[in-house]
Amino acid sequence: MESSGDLVLDVRQQGSAIIVRLVGAVGMTEATLLGRQLDELVQQPGAVVVLDIEHLDFICSSGLGALINAQAKARPYEGQVRLARPCPLVMRLLETTRLTNLFDVYASVDEAVAG
């Protein structure tokens, strides 16, 4: 478990997927930590990284950029970043920015793992 300011990252394995639970808020400082952590995870061949964002209260544009970069970096490794359980505020942001076209969004972590 890592933390930076208002963000806690809890990384665990569930079957063949890597679950990253985000708790708190992603501002500019936290976006850097998030980006570094995701970079490491998505560069594993075939990695399925599920971001459990149920308790993510806020994400800035730099944080969204970290998610987008992670998805782009996962593709050459035939991996994927999936989002699970976004709160209504974050879901609205994902829809407004049309990131729901880039990411698969699931109602539960188990559904996201199953794909």
N, C-alpha and C. Protein backbone atom coordinates (compact mmCIF):
# COMPACT_ATOMS: atom_id res chain seq x y z
N MET A 1 0.85 -1.17 0.00
CA MET A 1 0.00 0.00 0.00
C MET A 1 0.89 1.23 0.00
N GLU A 2 0.62 2.15 -0.93
CA GLU A 2 1.37 3.40 -1.00
C GLU A 2 0.40 4.55 -0.76
N SER A 3 0.91 5.66 -0.26
CA SER A 3 0.06 6.83 -0.13
C SER A 3 0.86 8.08 -0.45
N SER A 4 0.14 9.04 -0.96
CA SER A 4 0.74 10.33 -1.29
C SER A 4 -0.32 11.38 -1.07
N GLY A 5 -0.12 12.23 -0.07
CA GLY A 5 -1.10 13.27 0.19
C GLY A 5 -2.46 12.68 0.50
N ASP A 6 -3.41 12.94 -0.39
CA ASP A 6 -4.79 12.53 -0.18
C ASP A 6 -5.14 11.22 -0.87
N LEU A 7 -4.16 10.49 -1.40
CA LEU A 7 -4.43 9.27 -2.15
C LEU A 7 -3.76 8.07 -1.51
N VAL A 8 -4.52 6.97 -1.42
CA VAL A 8 -3.98 5.70 -0.98
C VAL A 8 -4.16 4.71 -2.12
N LEU A 9 -3.08 4.01 -2.47
CA LEU A 9 -3.09 2.97 -3.50
C LEU A 9 -2.87 1.63 -2.82
N ASP A 10 -3.79 0.71 -3.02
CA ASP A 10 -3.66 -0.63 -2.47
C ASP A 10 -3.65 -1.60 -3.63
N VAL A 11 -2.53 -2.29 -3.85
CA VAL A 11 -2.36 -3.18 -5.00
C VAL A 11 -2.38 -4.62 -4.52
N ARG A 12 -3.19 -5.45 -5.19
CA ARG A 12 -3.25 -6.86 -4.85
C ARG A 12 -3.56 -7.67 -6.10
N GLN A 13 -3.25 -8.94 -6.04
CA GLN A 13 -3.52 -9.86 -7.14
C GLN A 13 -4.85 -10.55 -6.88
N GLN A 14 -5.68 -10.69 -7.92
CA GLN A 14 -6.91 -11.47 -7.83
C GLN A 14 -6.98 -12.33 -9.08
N GLY A 15 -6.65 -13.59 -8.93
CA GLY A 15 -6.55 -14.46 -10.10
C GLY A 15 -5.44 -13.96 -10.99
N SER A 16 -5.75 -13.76 -12.26
CA SER A 16 -4.74 -13.27 -13.19
C SER A 16 -4.74 -11.74 -13.29
N ALA A 17 -5.65 -11.10 -12.58
CA ALA A 17 -5.76 -9.63 -12.65
C ALA A 17 -5.03 -8.97 -11.48
N ILE A 18 -4.63 -7.74 -11.73
CA ILE A 18 -4.02 -6.90 -10.69
C ILE A 18 -5.06 -5.86 -10.31
N ILE A 19 -5.44 -5.84 -9.05
CA ILE A 19 -6.44 -4.90 -8.57
C ILE A 19 -5.73 -3.74 -7.88
N VAL A 20 -6.05 -2.53 -8.30
CA VAL A 20 -5.49 -1.33 -7.67
C VAL A 20 -6.67 -0.55 -7.11
N ARG A 21 -6.76 -0.53 -5.78
CA ARG A 21 -7.83 0.21 -5.12
C ARG A 21 -7.33 1.62 -4.83
N LEU A 22 -8.07 2.60 -5.34
CA LEU A 22 -7.72 4.00 -5.13
C LEU A 22 -8.68 4.60 -4.11
N VAL A 23 -8.13 5.19 -3.07
CA VAL A 23 -8.95 5.80 -2.03
C VAL A 23 -8.49 7.24 -1.85
N GLY A 24 -9.43 8.18 -1.94
CA GLY A 24 -9.10 9.58 -1.73
C GLY A 24 -9.25 10.40 -2.98
N ALA A 25 -8.27 11.25 -3.23
CA ALA A 25 -8.32 12.19 -4.35
C ALA A 25 -7.00 12.16 -5.11
N VAL A 26 -7.10 12.35 -6.42
CA VAL A 26 -5.91 12.42 -7.27
C VAL A 26 -5.76 13.86 -7.77
N GLY A 27 -4.85 14.58 -7.13
CA GLY A 27 -4.46 15.90 -7.61
C GLY A 27 -3.19 15.75 -8.43
N MET A 28 -2.56 16.86 -8.74
CA MET A 28 -1.36 16.81 -9.59
C MET A 28 -0.24 15.98 -8.96
N THR A 29 0.00 16.16 -7.68
CA THR A 29 1.08 15.42 -7.01
C THR A 29 0.77 13.93 -7.00
N GLU A 30 -0.46 13.57 -6.67
CA GLU A 30 -0.86 12.16 -6.61
C GLU A 30 -0.87 11.53 -8.00
N ALA A 31 -1.14 12.33 -9.02
CA ALA A 31 -1.17 11.82 -10.39
C ALA A 31 0.19 11.27 -10.80
N THR A 32 1.26 11.88 -10.33
CA THR A 32 2.61 11.41 -10.62
C THR A 32 2.83 10.02 -10.00
N LEU A 33 2.45 9.86 -8.74
CA LEU A 33 2.57 8.56 -8.07
C LEU A 33 1.72 7.52 -8.79
N LEU A 34 0.50 7.88 -9.12
CA LEU A 34 -0.41 6.96 -9.81
C LEU A 34 0.18 6.54 -11.16
N GLY A 35 0.69 7.50 -11.91
CA GLY A 35 1.28 7.21 -13.21
C GLY A 35 2.46 6.26 -13.10
N ARG A 36 3.34 6.48 -12.13
CA ARG A 36 4.51 5.60 -11.94
C ARG A 36 4.07 4.19 -11.59
N GLN A 37 3.09 4.08 -10.69
CA GLN A 37 2.63 2.76 -10.26
C GLN A 37 1.98 2.01 -11.42
N LEU A 38 1.15 2.71 -12.18
CA LEU A 38 0.48 2.06 -13.31
C LEU A 38 1.46 1.67 -14.41
N ASP A 39 2.46 2.51 -14.65
CA ASP A 39 3.49 2.20 -15.65
C ASP A 39 4.14 0.84 -15.35
N GLU A 40 4.48 0.62 -14.08
CA GLU A 40 5.10 -0.65 -13.70
C GLU A 40 4.16 -1.83 -13.94
N LEU A 41 2.90 -1.64 -13.59
CA LEU A 41 1.93 -2.74 -13.66
C LEU A 41 1.56 -3.12 -15.08
N VAL A 42 1.37 -2.13 -15.95
CA VAL A 42 0.86 -2.42 -17.30
C VAL A 42 1.94 -2.95 -18.24
N GLN A 43 3.20 -2.86 -17.84
CA GLN A 43 4.27 -3.34 -18.71
C GLN A 43 4.58 -4.82 -18.50
N GLN A 44 3.67 -5.52 -17.83
CA GLN A 44 3.77 -6.97 -17.69
C GLN A 44 2.93 -7.58 -18.82
N PRO A 45 3.47 -8.49 -19.59
CA PRO A 45 2.74 -9.06 -20.72
C PRO A 45 1.36 -9.59 -20.33
N GLY A 46 0.34 -9.13 -21.05
CA GLY A 46 -1.03 -9.59 -20.84
C GLY A 46 -1.68 -9.10 -19.56
N ALA A 47 -1.11 -8.11 -18.91
CA ALA A 47 -1.64 -7.64 -17.63
C ALA A 47 -3.05 -7.06 -17.78
N VAL A 48 -3.92 -7.49 -16.89
CA VAL A 48 -5.24 -6.88 -16.76
C VAL A 48 -5.21 -6.14 -15.44
N VAL A 49 -5.23 -4.81 -15.52
CA VAL A 49 -5.18 -3.97 -14.33
C VAL A 49 -6.58 -3.40 -14.12
N VAL A 50 -7.16 -3.75 -12.98
CA VAL A 50 -8.49 -3.26 -12.64
C VAL A 50 -8.33 -2.18 -11.59
N LEU A 51 -8.81 -0.99 -11.92
CA LEU A 51 -8.77 0.12 -10.96
C LEU A 51 -10.11 0.16 -10.24
N ASP A 52 -10.08 -0.15 -8.96
CA ASP A 52 -11.27 -0.08 -8.11
C ASP A 52 -11.37 1.36 -7.61
N ILE A 53 -12.27 2.13 -8.23
CA ILE A 53 -12.32 3.57 -7.94
C ILE A 53 -13.59 3.96 -7.17
N GLU A 54 -14.15 3.01 -6.44
CA GLU A 54 -15.36 3.29 -5.65
C GLU A 54 -15.13 4.42 -4.65
N HIS A 55 -13.94 4.46 -4.06
CA HIS A 55 -13.65 5.47 -3.03
C HIS A 55 -12.75 6.59 -3.54
N LEU A 56 -12.75 6.78 -4.85
CA LEU A 56 -12.01 7.89 -5.44
C LEU A 56 -12.97 9.08 -5.52
N ASP A 57 -12.67 10.12 -4.72
CA ASP A 57 -13.57 11.27 -4.61
C ASP A 57 -13.36 12.31 -5.69
N PHE A 58 -12.12 12.37 -6.21
CA PHE A 58 -11.77 13.43 -7.16
C PHE A 58 -10.59 12.95 -7.98
N ILE A 59 -10.57 13.34 -9.25
CA ILE A 59 -9.40 13.08 -10.10
C ILE A 59 -9.22 14.28 -11.03
N CYS A 60 -8.03 14.85 -11.04
CA CYS A 60 -7.73 16.01 -11.87
C CYS A 60 -7.38 15.57 -13.28
N SER A 61 -7.16 16.53 -14.15
CA SER A 61 -6.83 16.21 -15.54
C SER A 61 -5.51 15.44 -15.64
N SER A 62 -4.56 15.73 -14.76
CA SER A 62 -3.30 14.97 -14.76
C SER A 62 -3.53 13.52 -14.37
N GLY A 63 -4.45 13.29 -13.46
CA GLY A 63 -4.81 11.93 -13.07
C GLY A 63 -5.47 11.19 -14.21
N LEU A 64 -6.37 11.88 -14.92
CA LEU A 64 -6.99 11.26 -16.10
C LEU A 64 -5.93 10.95 -17.14
N GLY A 65 -4.96 11.84 -17.28
CA GLY A 65 -3.85 11.61 -18.20
C GLY A 65 -3.05 10.37 -17.83
N ALA A 66 -2.86 10.14 -16.53
CA ALA A 66 -2.14 8.95 -16.07
C ALA A 66 -2.92 7.68 -16.45
N LEU A 67 -4.24 7.73 -16.34
CA LEU A 67 -5.06 6.58 -16.73
C LEU A 67 -4.97 6.32 -18.23
N ILE A 68 -5.05 7.39 -19.01
CA ILE A 68 -4.98 7.28 -20.47
C ILE A 68 -3.61 6.73 -20.89
N ASN A 69 -2.55 7.25 -20.28
CA ASN A 69 -1.20 6.77 -20.60
C ASN A 69 -1.04 5.30 -20.25
N ALA A 70 -1.59 4.90 -19.12
CA ALA A 70 -1.50 3.49 -18.72
C ALA A 70 -2.19 2.59 -19.73
N GLN A 71 -3.36 3.01 -20.19
CA GLN A 71 -4.08 2.21 -21.19
C GLN A 71 -3.25 2.10 -22.48
N ALA A 72 -2.68 3.22 -22.89
CA ALA A 72 -1.86 3.23 -24.12
C ALA A 72 -0.62 2.36 -23.96
N LYS A 73 0.01 2.39 -22.79
CA LYS A 73 1.22 1.59 -22.56
C LYS A 73 0.91 0.11 -22.40
N ALA A 74 -0.31 -0.22 -22.00
CA ALA A 74 -0.69 -1.63 -21.82
C ALA A 74 -0.89 -2.33 -23.16
N ARG A 75 -1.32 -1.61 -24.16
CA ARG A 75 -1.67 -2.21 -25.45
C ARG A 75 -0.53 -2.98 -26.11
N PRO A 76 0.69 -2.43 -26.20
CA PRO A 76 1.77 -3.20 -26.83
C PRO A 76 2.08 -4.51 -26.10
N TYR A 77 1.73 -4.58 -24.83
CA TYR A 77 1.94 -5.79 -24.04
C TYR A 77 0.70 -6.68 -24.02
N GLU A 78 -0.28 -6.32 -24.86
CA GLU A 78 -1.56 -7.01 -24.94
C GLU A 78 -2.28 -7.03 -23.60
N GLY A 79 -2.14 -5.92 -22.87
CA GLY A 79 -2.79 -5.75 -21.58
C GLY A 79 -3.95 -4.78 -21.68
N GLN A 80 -4.55 -4.52 -20.54
CA GLN A 80 -5.72 -3.65 -20.52
C GLN A 80 -5.89 -3.05 -19.13
N VAL A 81 -6.41 -1.83 -19.10
CA VAL A 81 -6.80 -1.19 -17.85
C VAL A 81 -8.32 -1.11 -17.85
N ARG A 82 -8.92 -1.61 -16.79
CA ARG A 82 -10.38 -1.58 -16.65
C ARG A 82 -10.74 -0.81 -15.39
N LEU A 83 -11.89 -0.16 -15.40
CA LEU A 83 -12.35 0.62 -14.26
C LEU A 83 -13.53 -0.07 -13.60
N ALA A 84 -13.54 -0.07 -12.27
CA ALA A 84 -14.63 -0.71 -11.54
C ALA A 84 -15.20 0.23 -10.48
N ARG A 85 -16.50 0.24 -10.39
CA ARG A 85 -17.27 0.91 -9.33
C ARG A 85 -17.02 2.41 -9.19
N PRO A 86 -17.02 3.17 -10.27
CA PRO A 86 -16.82 4.61 -10.08
C PRO A 86 -17.99 5.23 -9.33
N CYS A 87 -17.68 6.17 -8.44
CA CYS A 87 -18.75 6.90 -7.76
C CYS A 87 -19.45 7.78 -8.80
N PRO A 88 -20.66 8.25 -8.51
CA PRO A 88 -21.40 9.04 -9.51
C PRO A 88 -20.64 10.27 -10.04
N LEU A 89 -19.92 10.96 -9.18
CA LEU A 89 -19.17 12.15 -9.60
C LEU A 89 -18.08 11.78 -10.61
N VAL A 90 -17.32 10.74 -10.31
CA VAL A 90 -16.24 10.30 -11.22
C VAL A 90 -16.84 9.73 -12.50
N MET A 91 -17.95 9.01 -12.39
CA MET A 91 -18.59 8.47 -13.58
C MET A 91 -19.05 9.58 -14.51
N ARG A 92 -19.60 10.64 -13.95
CA ARG A 92 -20.01 11.80 -14.76
C ARG A 92 -18.82 12.40 -15.48
N LEU A 93 -17.69 12.50 -14.79
CA LEU A 93 -16.47 13.04 -15.39
C LEU A 93 -15.99 12.14 -16.53
N LEU A 94 -16.02 10.83 -16.31
CA LEU A 94 -15.61 9.89 -17.36
C LEU A 94 -16.52 10.00 -18.58
N GLU A 95 -17.82 10.17 -18.35
CA GLU A 95 -18.76 10.32 -19.46
C GLU A 95 -18.57 11.65 -20.18
N THR A 96 -18.39 12.71 -19.43
CA THR A 96 -18.22 14.05 -20.01
C THR A 96 -16.97 14.11 -20.88
N THR A 97 -15.91 13.47 -20.43
CA THR A 97 -14.64 13.48 -21.17
C THR A 97 -14.58 12.35 -22.21
N ARG A 98 -15.65 11.59 -22.30
CA ARG A 98 -15.78 10.47 -23.23
C ARG A 98 -14.75 9.36 -23.01
N LEU A 99 -14.24 9.29 -21.80
CA LEU A 99 -13.29 8.23 -21.49
C LEU A 99 -13.98 6.88 -21.34
N THR A 100 -15.30 6.88 -21.28
CA THR A 100 -16.03 5.61 -21.28
C THR A 100 -15.90 4.92 -22.64
N ASN A 101 -15.45 5.66 -23.66
CA ASN A 101 -15.16 5.05 -24.97
C ASN A 101 -13.78 4.38 -24.98
N LEU A 102 -12.91 4.79 -24.08
CA LEU A 102 -11.55 4.25 -24.02
C LEU A 102 -11.43 3.10 -23.01
N PHE A 103 -12.16 3.22 -21.90
CA PHE A 103 -12.09 2.25 -20.82
C PHE A 103 -13.38 1.46 -20.71
N ASP A 104 -13.24 0.17 -20.40
CA ASP A 104 -14.40 -0.63 -20.02
C ASP A 104 -14.67 -0.30 -18.55
N VAL A 105 -15.93 0.03 -18.24
CA VAL A 105 -16.32 0.40 -16.89
C VAL A 105 -17.30 -0.66 -16.38
N TYR A 106 -17.03 -1.19 -15.19
CA TYR A 106 -17.81 -2.28 -14.63
C TYR A 106 -18.43 -1.88 -13.29
N ALA A 107 -19.54 -2.54 -12.97
CA ALA A 107 -20.26 -2.26 -11.72
C ALA A 107 -19.57 -2.89 -10.50
N SER A 108 -18.73 -3.90 -10.73
CA SER A 108 -18.03 -4.55 -9.61
C SER A 108 -16.62 -4.95 -10.03
N VAL A 109 -15.79 -5.18 -9.05
CA VAL A 109 -14.42 -5.62 -9.31
C VAL A 109 -14.45 -7.02 -9.95
N ASP A 110 -15.30 -7.90 -9.43
CA ASP A 110 -15.39 -9.25 -9.99
C ASP A 110 -15.78 -9.24 -11.46
N GLU A 111 -16.72 -8.38 -11.82
CA GLU A 111 -17.12 -8.26 -13.24
C GLU A 111 -15.96 -7.75 -14.08
N ALA A 112 -15.21 -6.79 -13.54
CA ALA A 112 -14.06 -6.24 -14.26
C ALA A 112 -12.98 -7.29 -14.45
N VAL A 113 -12.75 -8.12 -13.44
CA VAL A 113 -11.76 -9.19 -13.56
C VAL A 113 -12.19 -10.19 -14.63
N ALA A 114 -13.48 -10.53 -14.63
CA ALA A 114 -14.00 -11.50 -15.59
C ALA A 114 -13.99 -10.93 -17.01
N GLY A 115 -14.16 -9.60 -17.11
CA GLY A 115 -14.12 -8.94 -18.41
C GLY A 115 -15.36 -9.16 -19.18
